[in-house]
Amino acid sequence: MKNNAATRGFVISVLAVIFAFGIYFFFLAKQNYYLVDNPTQNTYYFKINNDSEKVIAAGQRLKVNLEKGNNKIAVFDATKKPIFDSTFVVKKIRGLLNIAHQDYYIYQQYYGYNLNKDSLLKSQSVLDIDGKKYLGGAKHFNKIYTDDFYYNVDEDFDEIIKNIADVESRTKIFRKQDFINYYKSIYKF
């Protein structure tokens, strides 16, 4: 193989592409996974799809493997007494299992320049949480499974605006108190 300018340029461009993909996959790529979350003070045992039994303590979250399509879960209390068993359908590449049937809120955050947050907030529905009104169209969730969000409970919203020409949005699922704290930190009414 000759050492000419075209060969050197080709090798350098291939190395630059490999380096760019390496940076993306190690630092920027969003991981896709499923979580079981327990915001309560109770300990639960559970089995997913008749796999091995797992335990989740108070306040913990645990990554689990799920298959797209129908899945089955059996949940037990701290004394291993059955609480319920249920089936749920996985459609997306990330999701949350709410085995304690607690209150969660899915909130849509808008990004972009020339963004009028006041008009966006007022155009969305109003949610009542413990007698207080929250603007912005948050959705209440307390069922066994959802995958109707982009960021899971253990992730934060992006701080960087990626597309300056458009207004875009991302959704995140919050535990109840985490949502109230986030809302109060962002919107001062």
N, C-alpha and C. Protein backbone atom coordinates (compact mmCIF):
# COMPACT_ATOMS: atom_id res chain seq x y z
N MET A 1 0.84 -1.17 0.00
CA MET A 1 0.00 0.00 0.00
C MET A 1 0.88 1.24 0.00
N LYS A 2 0.61 2.12 -0.90
CA LYS A 2 1.42 3.33 -1.03
C LYS A 2 1.01 4.36 0.02
N ASN A 3 1.98 5.12 0.42
CA ASN A 3 1.74 6.20 1.39
C ASN A 3 1.55 7.50 0.61
N ASN A 4 0.32 7.72 0.13
CA ASN A 4 0.05 8.95 -0.61
C ASN A 4 -1.00 9.78 0.14
N ALA A 5 -1.26 10.94 -0.35
CA ALA A 5 -2.17 11.88 0.33
C ALA A 5 -3.60 11.34 0.40
N ALA A 6 -4.07 10.69 -0.63
CA ALA A 6 -5.44 10.16 -0.63
C ALA A 6 -5.60 9.07 0.44
N THR A 7 -4.62 8.19 0.56
CA THR A 7 -4.69 7.14 1.57
C THR A 7 -4.65 7.73 2.98
N ARG A 8 -3.74 8.68 3.20
CA ARG A 8 -3.67 9.33 4.52
C ARG A 8 -4.99 10.03 4.84
N GLY A 9 -5.56 10.73 3.88
CA GLY A 9 -6.83 11.42 4.10
C GLY A 9 -7.95 10.45 4.43
N PHE A 10 -7.98 9.32 3.72
CA PHE A 10 -9.00 8.32 3.99
C PHE A 10 -8.86 7.74 5.40
N VAL A 11 -7.66 7.41 5.80
CA VAL A 11 -7.41 6.85 7.14
C VAL A 11 -7.77 7.86 8.22
N ILE A 12 -7.41 9.12 8.01
CA ILE A 12 -7.73 10.16 8.99
C ILE A 12 -9.24 10.35 9.10
N SER A 13 -9.94 10.33 7.97
CA SER A 13 -11.40 10.50 8.02
C SER A 13 -12.08 9.31 8.70
N VAL A 14 -11.61 8.10 8.48
CA VAL A 14 -12.16 6.92 9.15
C VAL A 14 -11.93 7.02 10.65
N LEU A 15 -10.74 7.42 11.06
CA LEU A 15 -10.44 7.57 12.49
C LEU A 15 -11.29 8.67 13.13
N ALA A 16 -11.54 9.75 12.39
CA ALA A 16 -12.38 10.83 12.92
C ALA A 16 -13.81 10.35 13.12
N VAL A 17 -14.33 9.56 12.19
CA VAL A 17 -15.68 9.01 12.32
C VAL A 17 -15.77 8.06 13.51
N ILE A 18 -14.78 7.19 13.67
CA ILE A 18 -14.75 6.28 14.82
C ILE A 18 -14.68 7.06 16.12
N PHE A 19 -13.86 8.10 16.16
CA PHE A 19 -13.75 8.93 17.37
C PHE A 19 -15.08 9.62 17.68
N ALA A 20 -15.76 10.16 16.65
CA ALA A 20 -17.05 10.84 16.86
C ALA A 20 -18.10 9.86 17.39
N PHE A 21 -18.18 8.67 16.81
CA PHE A 21 -19.13 7.68 17.31
C PHE A 21 -18.78 7.24 18.72
N GLY A 22 -17.49 7.12 19.03
CA GLY A 22 -17.07 6.77 20.39
C GLY A 22 -17.51 7.81 21.39
N ILE A 23 -17.33 9.08 21.09
CA ILE A 23 -17.77 10.16 21.97
C ILE A 23 -19.29 10.09 22.16
N TYR A 24 -20.01 9.89 21.08
CA TYR A 24 -21.47 9.82 21.17
C TYR A 24 -21.91 8.67 22.07
N PHE A 25 -21.41 7.46 21.80
CA PHE A 25 -21.88 6.30 22.54
C PHE A 25 -21.45 6.28 24.00
N PHE A 26 -20.28 6.85 24.31
CA PHE A 26 -19.82 6.84 25.69
C PHE A 26 -20.35 7.99 26.53
N PHE A 27 -20.63 9.14 25.90
CA PHE A 27 -20.99 10.32 26.68
C PHE A 27 -22.37 10.90 26.37
N LEU A 28 -22.86 10.77 25.16
CA LEU A 28 -24.08 11.47 24.77
C LEU A 28 -25.30 10.58 24.55
N ALA A 29 -25.11 9.33 24.23
CA ALA A 29 -26.24 8.46 23.90
C ALA A 29 -27.09 8.19 25.14
N LYS A 30 -28.39 8.23 24.95
CA LYS A 30 -29.33 7.96 26.03
C LYS A 30 -29.54 6.46 26.13
N GLN A 31 -29.36 5.92 27.33
CA GLN A 31 -29.57 4.50 27.54
C GLN A 31 -31.06 4.19 27.66
N ASN A 32 -31.44 3.07 27.14
CA ASN A 32 -32.83 2.63 27.20
C ASN A 32 -32.92 1.46 28.17
N TYR A 33 -33.80 1.58 29.16
CA TYR A 33 -33.97 0.53 30.15
C TYR A 33 -35.33 0.67 30.81
N TYR A 34 -35.71 -0.36 31.53
CA TYR A 34 -36.97 -0.41 32.24
C TYR A 34 -36.68 -0.39 33.74
N LEU A 35 -37.49 0.35 34.49
CA LEU A 35 -37.31 0.47 35.93
C LEU A 35 -38.52 -0.05 36.68
N VAL A 36 -38.26 -0.66 37.83
CA VAL A 36 -39.29 -0.90 38.84
C VAL A 36 -39.00 0.12 39.93
N ASP A 37 -40.00 0.90 40.30
CA ASP A 37 -39.79 1.98 41.28
C ASP A 37 -40.66 1.74 42.50
N ASN A 38 -40.10 2.04 43.67
CA ASN A 38 -40.83 1.88 44.93
C ASN A 38 -40.63 3.14 45.78
N PRO A 39 -41.51 4.13 45.65
CA PRO A 39 -41.35 5.35 46.45
C PRO A 39 -41.92 5.23 47.87
N THR A 40 -42.45 4.06 48.23
CA THR A 40 -43.09 3.88 49.53
C THR A 40 -42.07 3.50 50.61
N GLN A 41 -42.56 3.31 51.82
CA GLN A 41 -41.73 2.85 52.93
C GLN A 41 -41.78 1.32 53.08
N ASN A 42 -42.40 0.64 52.15
CA ASN A 42 -42.58 -0.82 52.21
C ASN A 42 -41.56 -1.53 51.34
N THR A 43 -41.30 -2.79 51.67
CA THR A 43 -40.46 -3.66 50.86
C THR A 43 -41.37 -4.59 50.07
N TYR A 44 -41.03 -4.82 48.81
CA TYR A 44 -41.82 -5.70 47.95
C TYR A 44 -40.91 -6.74 47.30
N TYR A 45 -41.48 -7.90 47.06
CA TYR A 45 -40.86 -8.94 46.26
C TYR A 45 -41.67 -9.05 44.98
N PHE A 46 -41.01 -9.38 43.87
CA PHE A 46 -41.76 -9.51 42.63
C PHE A 46 -41.07 -10.48 41.68
N LYS A 47 -41.86 -11.04 40.79
CA LYS A 47 -41.37 -11.91 39.72
C LYS A 47 -41.93 -11.39 38.41
N ILE A 48 -41.08 -11.24 37.43
CA ILE A 48 -41.51 -10.81 36.10
C ILE A 48 -41.35 -11.99 35.15
N ASN A 49 -42.42 -12.32 34.45
CA ASN A 49 -42.44 -13.41 33.47
C ASN A 49 -41.90 -14.72 34.06
N ASN A 50 -42.28 -15.03 35.30
CA ASN A 50 -41.88 -16.25 36.00
C ASN A 50 -40.37 -16.41 36.09
N ASP A 51 -39.65 -15.31 36.08
CA ASP A 51 -38.20 -15.32 36.24
C ASP A 51 -37.88 -15.41 37.73
N SER A 52 -36.65 -15.24 38.11
CA SER A 52 -36.27 -15.33 39.52
C SER A 52 -36.89 -14.19 40.32
N GLU A 53 -37.10 -14.43 41.60
CA GLU A 53 -37.71 -13.44 42.48
C GLU A 53 -36.70 -12.33 42.79
N LYS A 54 -37.20 -11.10 42.76
CA LYS A 54 -36.36 -9.94 43.07
C LYS A 54 -37.00 -9.19 44.23
N VAL A 55 -36.19 -8.44 44.95
CA VAL A 55 -36.67 -7.65 46.08
C VAL A 55 -36.34 -6.19 45.82
N ILE A 56 -37.28 -5.32 46.19
CA ILE A 56 -37.05 -3.88 46.08
C ILE A 56 -37.42 -3.26 47.42
N ALA A 57 -36.46 -2.59 48.02
CA ALA A 57 -36.65 -1.99 49.34
C ALA A 57 -37.31 -0.62 49.21
N ALA A 58 -37.63 -0.04 50.34
CA ALA A 58 -38.28 1.28 50.40
C ALA A 58 -37.40 2.33 49.71
N GLY A 59 -38.03 3.12 48.84
CA GLY A 59 -37.34 4.21 48.17
C GLY A 59 -36.41 3.81 47.05
N GLN A 60 -36.34 2.54 46.72
CA GLN A 60 -35.41 2.07 45.69
C GLN A 60 -36.03 2.05 44.31
N ARG A 61 -35.17 1.99 43.33
CA ARG A 61 -35.57 1.69 41.96
C ARG A 61 -34.58 0.66 41.43
N LEU A 62 -35.07 -0.19 40.55
CA LEU A 62 -34.28 -1.33 40.10
C LEU A 62 -34.49 -1.51 38.60
N LYS A 63 -33.39 -1.65 37.85
CA LYS A 63 -33.48 -1.92 36.42
C LYS A 63 -33.84 -3.38 36.21
N VAL A 64 -34.76 -3.61 35.27
CA VAL A 64 -35.21 -4.97 34.96
C VAL A 64 -35.21 -5.17 33.45
N ASN A 65 -35.22 -6.43 33.05
CA ASN A 65 -35.30 -6.79 31.63
C ASN A 65 -36.74 -7.13 31.30
N LEU A 66 -37.25 -6.49 30.27
CA LEU A 66 -38.59 -6.76 29.78
C LEU A 66 -38.53 -7.01 28.29
N GLU A 67 -39.47 -7.78 27.82
CA GLU A 67 -39.61 -8.04 26.39
C GLU A 67 -40.72 -7.17 25.83
N LYS A 68 -40.57 -6.73 24.58
CA LYS A 68 -41.68 -6.03 23.94
C LYS A 68 -42.82 -7.01 23.79
N GLY A 69 -44.03 -6.49 23.99
CA GLY A 69 -45.22 -7.34 23.94
C GLY A 69 -45.76 -7.58 25.33
N ASN A 70 -46.47 -8.70 25.50
CA ASN A 70 -47.11 -9.02 26.78
C ASN A 70 -46.09 -9.50 27.80
N ASN A 71 -46.20 -8.99 29.03
CA ASN A 71 -45.37 -9.39 30.16
C ASN A 71 -46.28 -9.64 31.35
N LYS A 72 -45.80 -10.43 32.30
CA LYS A 72 -46.58 -10.76 33.49
C LYS A 72 -45.75 -10.45 34.72
N ILE A 73 -46.39 -9.89 35.76
CA ILE A 73 -45.71 -9.61 37.02
C ILE A 73 -46.56 -10.13 38.17
N ALA A 74 -45.88 -10.68 39.17
CA ALA A 74 -46.52 -11.08 40.42
C ALA A 74 -45.80 -10.33 41.54
N VAL A 75 -46.56 -9.66 42.41
CA VAL A 75 -45.99 -8.82 43.46
C VAL A 75 -46.40 -9.39 44.82
N PHE A 76 -45.42 -9.40 45.74
CA PHE A 76 -45.62 -9.93 47.08
C PHE A 76 -45.17 -8.89 48.10
N ASP A 77 -45.78 -8.93 49.30
CA ASP A 77 -45.38 -7.99 50.34
C ASP A 77 -44.11 -8.49 51.05
N ALA A 78 -43.72 -7.83 52.14
CA ALA A 78 -42.48 -8.16 52.84
C ALA A 78 -42.50 -9.55 53.45
N THR A 79 -43.70 -10.09 53.73
CA THR A 79 -43.82 -11.44 54.27
C THR A 79 -44.03 -12.47 53.15
N LYS A 80 -43.88 -12.04 51.92
CA LYS A 80 -44.04 -12.85 50.71
C LYS A 80 -45.47 -13.36 50.52
N LYS A 81 -46.41 -12.58 51.05
CA LYS A 81 -47.83 -12.85 50.82
C LYS A 81 -48.21 -12.18 49.50
N PRO A 82 -48.90 -12.89 48.59
CA PRO A 82 -49.24 -12.30 47.29
C PRO A 82 -50.13 -11.06 47.45
N ILE A 83 -49.77 -10.00 46.72
CA ILE A 83 -50.58 -8.78 46.70
C ILE A 83 -51.43 -8.77 45.43
N PHE A 84 -50.78 -8.95 44.29
CA PHE A 84 -51.50 -9.02 43.02
C PHE A 84 -50.60 -9.63 41.97
N ASP A 85 -51.24 -10.08 40.89
CA ASP A 85 -50.51 -10.40 39.68
C ASP A 85 -51.24 -9.75 38.53
N SER A 86 -50.47 -9.37 37.53
CA SER A 86 -51.04 -8.58 36.45
C SER A 86 -50.25 -8.81 35.17
N THR A 87 -50.86 -8.45 34.07
CA THR A 87 -50.15 -8.44 32.79
C THR A 87 -50.12 -7.01 32.28
N PHE A 88 -49.12 -6.72 31.48
CA PHE A 88 -48.99 -5.39 30.88
C PHE A 88 -48.28 -5.54 29.55
N VAL A 89 -48.46 -4.54 28.70
CA VAL A 89 -47.90 -4.58 27.36
C VAL A 89 -46.78 -3.54 27.23
N VAL A 90 -45.62 -3.99 26.79
CA VAL A 90 -44.48 -3.12 26.55
C VAL A 90 -44.43 -2.80 25.06
N LYS A 91 -44.45 -1.50 24.74
CA LYS A 91 -44.43 -1.06 23.34
C LYS A 91 -43.16 -0.32 22.99
N LYS A 92 -42.54 0.33 23.97
CA LYS A 92 -41.40 1.21 23.69
C LYS A 92 -40.13 0.66 24.33
N ILE A 93 -39.04 1.40 24.18
CA ILE A 93 -37.73 0.92 24.61
C ILE A 93 -37.35 1.36 26.02
N ARG A 94 -38.21 2.07 26.72
CA ARG A 94 -38.02 2.41 28.13
C ARG A 94 -39.38 2.49 28.79
N GLY A 95 -39.42 2.17 30.09
CA GLY A 95 -40.69 2.19 30.78
C GLY A 95 -40.51 2.13 32.28
N LEU A 96 -41.64 2.26 33.01
CA LEU A 96 -41.65 2.26 34.46
C LEU A 96 -42.73 1.32 34.97
N LEU A 97 -42.35 0.41 35.86
CA LEU A 97 -43.29 -0.46 36.55
C LEU A 97 -43.57 0.13 37.92
N ASN A 98 -44.83 0.40 38.19
CA ASN A 98 -45.28 1.03 39.42
C ASN A 98 -45.95 -0.05 40.28
N ILE A 99 -45.14 -0.88 40.95
CA ILE A 99 -45.69 -2.02 41.67
C ILE A 99 -46.43 -1.61 42.94
N ALA A 100 -46.20 -0.40 43.45
CA ALA A 100 -46.88 0.07 44.66
C ALA A 100 -48.13 0.88 44.34
N HIS A 101 -48.44 1.07 43.05
CA HIS A 101 -49.59 1.86 42.60
C HIS A 101 -49.61 3.25 43.24
N GLN A 102 -48.47 3.90 43.24
CA GLN A 102 -48.33 5.25 43.78
C GLN A 102 -48.61 6.28 42.69
N ASP A 103 -48.71 7.54 43.09
CA ASP A 103 -48.97 8.63 42.15
C ASP A 103 -47.68 9.09 41.49
N TYR A 104 -47.72 9.14 40.17
CA TYR A 104 -46.63 9.68 39.36
C TYR A 104 -47.24 10.73 38.44
N TYR A 105 -46.37 11.61 37.94
CA TYR A 105 -46.83 12.65 37.04
C TYR A 105 -45.89 12.72 35.85
N ILE A 106 -46.48 12.72 34.66
CA ILE A 106 -45.71 12.83 33.42
C ILE A 106 -45.85 14.27 32.95
N TYR A 107 -44.70 14.95 32.84
CA TYR A 107 -44.70 16.37 32.54
C TYR A 107 -43.90 16.64 31.27
N GLN A 108 -44.40 17.56 30.46
CA GLN A 108 -43.78 17.90 29.19
C GLN A 108 -43.06 19.23 29.33
N GLN A 109 -41.73 19.21 29.12
CA GLN A 109 -40.89 20.41 29.19
C GLN A 109 -40.62 20.88 27.77
N TYR A 110 -40.78 22.18 27.53
CA TYR A 110 -40.55 22.75 26.21
C TYR A 110 -39.18 23.40 26.15
N TYR A 111 -38.53 23.29 24.99
CA TYR A 111 -37.23 23.87 24.74
C TYR A 111 -37.31 24.77 23.50
N GLY A 112 -36.42 25.72 23.40
CA GLY A 112 -36.31 26.53 22.20
C GLY A 112 -36.17 28.00 22.51
N TYR A 113 -35.70 28.74 21.54
CA TYR A 113 -35.58 30.18 21.66
C TYR A 113 -36.91 30.82 21.27
N ASN A 114 -37.13 32.04 21.72
CA ASN A 114 -38.38 32.74 21.48
C ASN A 114 -39.58 31.93 21.96
N LEU A 115 -39.39 31.28 23.10
CA LEU A 115 -40.42 30.43 23.68
C LEU A 115 -41.20 31.23 24.70
N ASN A 116 -42.50 31.32 24.51
CA ASN A 116 -43.36 32.03 25.46
C ASN A 116 -43.96 31.02 26.43
N LYS A 117 -43.26 30.79 27.55
CA LYS A 117 -43.68 29.77 28.51
C LYS A 117 -45.05 30.08 29.11
N ASP A 118 -45.34 31.35 29.31
CA ASP A 118 -46.64 31.70 29.90
C ASP A 118 -47.80 31.23 29.03
N SER A 119 -47.71 31.48 27.74
CA SER A 119 -48.81 31.07 26.86
C SER A 119 -48.87 29.55 26.73
N LEU A 120 -47.71 28.88 26.74
CA LEU A 120 -47.71 27.43 26.70
C LEU A 120 -48.36 26.84 27.96
N LEU A 121 -48.03 27.39 29.11
CA LEU A 121 -48.61 26.91 30.36
C LEU A 121 -50.11 27.11 30.39
N LYS A 122 -50.55 28.28 29.95
CA LYS A 122 -51.98 28.58 29.99
C LYS A 122 -52.78 27.78 28.97
N SER A 123 -52.16 27.35 27.89
CA SER A 123 -52.88 26.60 26.86
C SER A 123 -53.04 25.12 27.25
N GLN A 124 -52.28 24.65 28.21
CA GLN A 124 -52.37 23.26 28.67
C GLN A 124 -53.43 23.11 29.75
N SER A 125 -53.78 21.89 30.04
CA SER A 125 -54.78 21.63 31.09
C SER A 125 -54.20 21.92 32.47
N VAL A 126 -55.09 22.09 33.44
CA VAL A 126 -54.71 22.36 34.82
C VAL A 126 -54.89 21.08 35.62
N LEU A 127 -53.92 20.76 36.46
CA LEU A 127 -53.97 19.56 37.27
C LEU A 127 -54.06 19.95 38.74
N ASP A 128 -54.92 19.29 39.47
CA ASP A 128 -55.09 19.55 40.90
C ASP A 128 -54.37 18.45 41.69
N ILE A 129 -53.39 18.87 42.49
CA ILE A 129 -52.66 17.94 43.36
C ILE A 129 -52.81 18.44 44.78
N ASP A 130 -53.48 17.69 45.60
CA ASP A 130 -53.70 18.02 47.01
C ASP A 130 -54.28 19.42 47.19
N GLY A 131 -55.22 19.79 46.33
CA GLY A 131 -55.90 21.08 46.45
C GLY A 131 -55.18 22.25 45.82
N LYS A 132 -54.01 22.04 45.24
CA LYS A 132 -53.28 23.12 44.56
C LYS A 132 -53.32 22.88 43.06
N LYS A 133 -53.40 23.99 42.32
CA LYS A 133 -53.49 23.93 40.86
C LYS A 133 -52.09 24.01 40.25
N TYR A 134 -51.84 23.12 39.26
CA TYR A 134 -50.58 23.09 38.55
C TYR A 134 -50.87 23.23 37.06
N LEU A 135 -50.34 24.27 36.45
CA LEU A 135 -50.52 24.50 35.02
C LEU A 135 -49.51 23.66 34.25
N GLY A 136 -49.74 23.55 32.96
CA GLY A 136 -48.74 22.94 32.10
C GLY A 136 -49.09 21.57 31.58
N GLY A 137 -50.24 21.05 31.91
CA GLY A 137 -50.70 19.81 31.30
C GLY A 137 -50.05 18.53 31.79
N ALA A 138 -49.58 18.49 33.03
CA ALA A 138 -49.03 17.25 33.57
C ALA A 138 -50.13 16.19 33.60
N LYS A 139 -49.74 14.95 33.38
CA LYS A 139 -50.70 13.84 33.41
C LYS A 139 -50.46 12.99 34.64
N HIS A 140 -51.52 12.66 35.33
CA HIS A 140 -51.46 11.80 36.51
C HIS A 140 -51.40 10.35 36.06
N PHE A 141 -50.59 9.55 36.75
CA PHE A 141 -50.45 8.14 36.43
C PHE A 141 -50.31 7.34 37.72
N ASN A 142 -51.07 6.24 37.87
CA ASN A 142 -50.90 5.36 39.03
C ASN A 142 -51.17 3.89 38.69
N LYS A 143 -51.13 3.53 37.43
CA LYS A 143 -51.35 2.15 37.02
C LYS A 143 -50.05 1.35 37.14
N ILE A 144 -50.08 0.11 36.72
CA ILE A 144 -48.93 -0.78 36.89
C ILE A 144 -47.76 -0.45 35.98
N TYR A 145 -48.03 0.01 34.74
CA TYR A 145 -46.93 0.21 33.78
C TYR A 145 -47.23 1.37 32.86
N THR A 146 -46.19 2.13 32.54
CA THR A 146 -46.29 3.14 31.50
C THR A 146 -44.96 3.25 30.77
N ASP A 147 -45.06 3.59 29.50
CA ASP A 147 -43.87 3.93 28.71
C ASP A 147 -44.13 5.20 27.92
N ASP A 148 -45.02 6.04 28.46
CA ASP A 148 -45.45 7.27 27.81
C ASP A 148 -44.58 8.46 28.25
N PHE A 149 -43.27 8.32 28.20
CA PHE A 149 -42.36 9.38 28.60
C PHE A 149 -41.02 9.18 27.92
N TYR A 150 -40.17 10.20 27.99
CA TYR A 150 -38.82 10.12 27.41
C TYR A 150 -37.77 9.94 28.50
N TYR A 151 -37.88 10.71 29.59
CA TYR A 151 -36.92 10.61 30.70
C TYR A 151 -37.58 9.87 31.86
N ASN A 152 -36.86 8.92 32.43
CA ASN A 152 -37.37 8.13 33.54
C ASN A 152 -37.17 8.88 34.86
N VAL A 153 -37.64 8.32 35.96
CA VAL A 153 -37.58 9.00 37.26
C VAL A 153 -36.16 9.25 37.72
N ASP A 154 -35.20 8.49 37.24
CA ASP A 154 -33.81 8.67 37.66
C ASP A 154 -32.99 9.53 36.70
N GLU A 155 -33.65 10.20 35.75
CA GLU A 155 -32.96 11.04 34.78
C GLU A 155 -33.46 12.48 34.90
N ASP A 156 -32.65 13.41 34.44
CA ASP A 156 -33.03 14.82 34.43
C ASP A 156 -33.33 15.26 33.01
N PHE A 157 -34.09 16.36 32.90
CA PHE A 157 -34.31 16.96 31.59
C PHE A 157 -32.98 17.45 31.02
N ASP A 158 -32.90 17.54 29.69
CA ASP A 158 -31.72 18.13 29.04
C ASP A 158 -31.59 19.59 29.44
N GLU A 159 -30.38 20.03 29.68
CA GLU A 159 -30.15 21.44 29.95
C GLU A 159 -29.71 22.17 28.69
N ILE A 160 -29.33 21.42 27.68
CA ILE A 160 -28.83 21.99 26.44
C ILE A 160 -29.93 21.98 25.40
N ILE A 161 -30.09 23.10 24.72
CA ILE A 161 -31.05 23.20 23.62
C ILE A 161 -30.34 22.69 22.37
N LYS A 162 -30.89 21.65 21.76
CA LYS A 162 -30.22 21.01 20.63
C LYS A 162 -30.61 21.62 19.29
N ASN A 163 -31.81 22.13 19.18
CA ASN A 163 -32.27 22.68 17.91
C ASN A 163 -32.78 24.09 18.18
N ILE A 164 -32.05 25.07 17.72
CA ILE A 164 -32.40 26.44 18.06
C ILE A 164 -33.51 27.02 17.19
N ALA A 165 -33.82 26.36 16.08
CA ALA A 165 -34.81 26.92 15.16
C ALA A 165 -36.24 26.58 15.57
N ASP A 166 -36.44 25.48 16.24
CA ASP A 166 -37.78 25.02 16.55
C ASP A 166 -38.02 24.96 18.05
N VAL A 167 -39.28 24.98 18.42
CA VAL A 167 -39.66 24.69 19.79
C VAL A 167 -39.92 23.18 19.84
N GLU A 168 -39.23 22.51 20.73
CA GLU A 168 -39.42 21.08 20.87
C GLU A 168 -39.70 20.76 22.33
N SER A 169 -40.10 19.54 22.60
CA SER A 169 -40.44 19.17 23.97
C SER A 169 -40.00 17.75 24.26
N ARG A 170 -39.85 17.47 25.54
CA ARG A 170 -39.56 16.13 26.04
C ARG A 170 -40.43 15.89 27.27
N THR A 171 -40.79 14.63 27.49
CA THR A 171 -41.60 14.29 28.66
C THR A 171 -40.75 13.52 29.66
N LYS A 172 -41.08 13.71 30.93
CA LYS A 172 -40.39 13.04 32.02
C LYS A 172 -41.43 12.57 33.02
N ILE A 173 -41.18 11.41 33.62
CA ILE A 173 -42.05 10.92 34.67
C ILE A 173 -41.41 11.22 36.03
N PHE A 174 -42.24 11.72 36.95
CA PHE A 174 -41.79 12.12 38.28
C PHE A 174 -42.57 11.36 39.34
N ARG A 175 -41.92 11.08 40.45
CA ARG A 175 -42.66 10.72 41.65
C ARG A 175 -43.43 11.96 42.07
N LYS A 176 -44.47 11.79 42.88
CA LYS A 176 -45.34 12.91 43.23
C LYS A 176 -44.56 14.08 43.86
N GLN A 177 -43.81 13.82 44.91
CA GLN A 177 -43.11 14.91 45.59
C GLN A 177 -42.00 15.50 44.71
N ASP A 178 -41.36 14.67 43.91
CA ASP A 178 -40.33 15.17 43.00
C ASP A 178 -40.93 16.12 41.97
N PHE A 179 -42.15 15.80 41.49
CA PHE A 179 -42.81 16.69 40.54
C PHE A 179 -43.14 18.04 41.19
N ILE A 180 -43.67 18.00 42.39
CA ILE A 180 -44.02 19.25 43.09
C ILE A 180 -42.77 20.09 43.31
N ASN A 181 -41.67 19.46 43.72
CA ASN A 181 -40.41 20.20 43.93
C ASN A 181 -39.88 20.77 42.63
N TYR A 182 -39.91 19.98 41.55
CA TYR A 182 -39.44 20.46 40.26
C TYR A 182 -40.29 21.64 39.78
N TYR A 183 -41.60 21.51 39.89
CA TYR A 183 -42.50 22.55 39.42
C TYR A 183 -42.24 23.86 40.17
N LYS A 184 -42.08 23.77 41.49
CA LYS A 184 -41.83 24.97 42.28
C LYS A 184 -40.47 25.59 41.97
N SER A 185 -39.49 24.78 41.59
CA SER A 185 -38.16 25.32 41.26
C SER A 185 -38.13 26.00 39.90
N ILE A 186 -38.99 25.59 38.99
CA ILE A 186 -39.01 26.15 37.63
C ILE A 186 -39.95 27.33 37.52
N TYR A 187 -41.15 27.22 38.06
CA TYR A 187 -42.17 28.25 37.90
C TYR A 187 -42.43 28.95 39.21
N LYS A 188 -42.19 30.23 39.22
CA LYS A 188 -42.42 31.06 40.42
C LYS A 188 -43.70 31.84 40.20
N PHE A 189 -44.77 31.46 40.89
CA PHE A 189 -46.05 32.15 40.73
C PHE A 189 -46.34 32.96 41.97
